[in-house]
Amino acid sequence: MLSTTDHSRDSAGLRYVYPVVSRRAGGVSIGINLN
């Protein structure tokens, strides 16, 4: 969603938060990651 420059940072965060929040919220991890 943000600039491609953040891709590097989001990539690391998504890998950790995605599998964890994905199971509870089902995809809200993306919103938390941006925060």
N, C-alpha and C. Protein backbone atom coordinates (compact mmCIF):
# COMPACT_ATOMS: atom_id res chain seq x y z
N MET A 1 0.84 -1.20 0.00
CA MET A 1 0.00 0.00 0.00
C MET A 1 0.88 1.25 0.00
N LEU A 2 1.94 1.22 0.80
CA LEU A 2 2.84 2.39 0.87
C LEU A 2 3.86 2.36 -0.26
N SER A 3 4.80 3.25 -0.20
CA SER A 3 5.84 3.30 -1.25
C SER A 3 6.60 1.98 -1.29
N THR A 4 7.21 1.70 -2.44
CA THR A 4 7.96 0.46 -2.57
C THR A 4 9.16 0.46 -1.62
N THR A 5 9.57 1.62 -1.18
CA THR A 5 10.72 1.71 -0.28
C THR A 5 10.42 1.01 1.04
N ASP A 6 9.16 1.01 1.44
CA ASP A 6 8.79 0.36 2.70
C ASP A 6 8.66 -1.15 2.54
N HIS A 7 8.70 -1.61 1.32
CA HIS A 7 8.54 -3.04 1.06
C HIS A 7 9.55 -3.84 1.89
N SER A 8 10.77 -3.36 1.93
CA SER A 8 11.82 -4.07 2.68
C SER A 8 11.42 -4.21 4.15
N ARG A 9 10.93 -3.14 4.71
CA ARG A 9 10.55 -3.17 6.13
C ARG A 9 9.26 -3.97 6.32
N ASP A 10 8.28 -3.76 5.48
CA ASP A 10 7.01 -4.50 5.61
C ASP A 10 7.24 -6.00 5.44
N SER A 11 8.13 -6.36 4.54
CA SER A 11 8.41 -7.77 4.28
C SER A 11 8.77 -8.49 5.58
N ALA A 12 9.62 -7.88 6.37
CA ALA A 12 10.05 -8.50 7.63
C ALA A 12 8.90 -8.52 8.63
N GLY A 13 8.18 -7.41 8.74
CA GLY A 13 7.06 -7.34 9.68
C GLY A 13 5.92 -8.27 9.28
N LEU A 14 5.62 -8.32 8.00
CA LEU A 14 4.53 -9.18 7.54
C LEU A 14 4.82 -10.64 7.86
N ARG A 15 6.04 -11.03 7.72
CA ARG A 15 6.40 -12.44 7.96
C ARG A 15 6.14 -12.82 9.41
N TYR A 16 6.32 -11.88 10.32
CA TYR A 16 6.13 -12.18 11.74
C TYR A 16 4.69 -11.94 12.20
N VAL A 17 4.13 -10.79 11.80
CA VAL A 17 2.78 -10.45 12.24
C VAL A 17 1.71 -11.18 11.42
N TYR A 18 1.95 -11.35 10.14
CA TYR A 18 0.93 -11.98 9.29
C TYR A 18 0.44 -13.32 9.83
N PRO A 19 1.34 -14.28 10.03
CA PRO A 19 0.92 -15.61 10.52
C PRO A 19 0.30 -15.58 11.91
N VAL A 20 0.67 -14.62 12.72
CA VAL A 20 0.15 -14.54 14.08
C VAL A 20 -1.24 -13.89 14.10
N VAL A 21 -1.34 -12.69 13.57
CA VAL A 21 -2.63 -11.98 13.57
C VAL A 21 -3.58 -12.59 12.55
N SER A 22 -3.02 -13.11 11.47
CA SER A 22 -3.85 -13.68 10.41
C SER A 22 -4.79 -14.75 10.99
N ARG A 23 -4.31 -15.50 11.96
CA ARG A 23 -5.12 -16.56 12.54
C ARG A 23 -6.21 -15.98 13.45
N ARG A 24 -5.93 -14.86 14.09
CA ARG A 24 -6.91 -14.27 15.02
C ARG A 24 -7.86 -13.32 14.29
N ALA A 25 -7.31 -12.36 13.59
CA ALA A 25 -8.16 -11.37 12.90
C ALA A 25 -8.49 -11.86 11.48
N GLY A 26 -7.55 -12.54 10.86
CA GLY A 26 -7.82 -13.05 9.51
C GLY A 26 -7.34 -12.10 8.43
N GLY A 27 -6.42 -11.22 8.73
CA GLY A 27 -5.93 -10.30 7.70
C GLY A 27 -5.76 -8.89 8.21
N VAL A 28 -6.09 -8.67 9.48
CA VAL A 28 -5.95 -7.32 10.04
C VAL A 28 -4.47 -6.98 10.25
N SER A 29 -3.62 -8.00 10.12
CA SER A 29 -2.18 -7.78 10.32
C SER A 29 -1.67 -6.67 9.42
N ILE A 30 -2.23 -6.59 8.21
CA ILE A 30 -1.78 -5.56 7.26
C ILE A 30 -2.01 -4.18 7.86
N GLY A 31 -3.16 -3.98 8.48
CA GLY A 31 -3.47 -2.67 9.06
C GLY A 31 -2.54 -2.36 10.22
N ILE A 32 -2.25 -3.36 11.03
CA ILE A 32 -1.36 -3.15 12.18
C ILE A 32 0.06 -2.88 11.70
N ASN A 33 0.46 -3.58 10.65
CA ASN A 33 1.81 -3.40 10.12
C ASN A 33 2.03 -1.96 9.70
N LEU A 34 1.03 -1.37 9.05
CA LEU A 34 1.17 0.02 8.59
C LEU A 34 1.34 0.95 9.78
N ASN A 35 0.73 0.56 10.89
CA ASN A 35 0.82 1.40 12.09
C ASN A 35 2.21 1.30 12.65
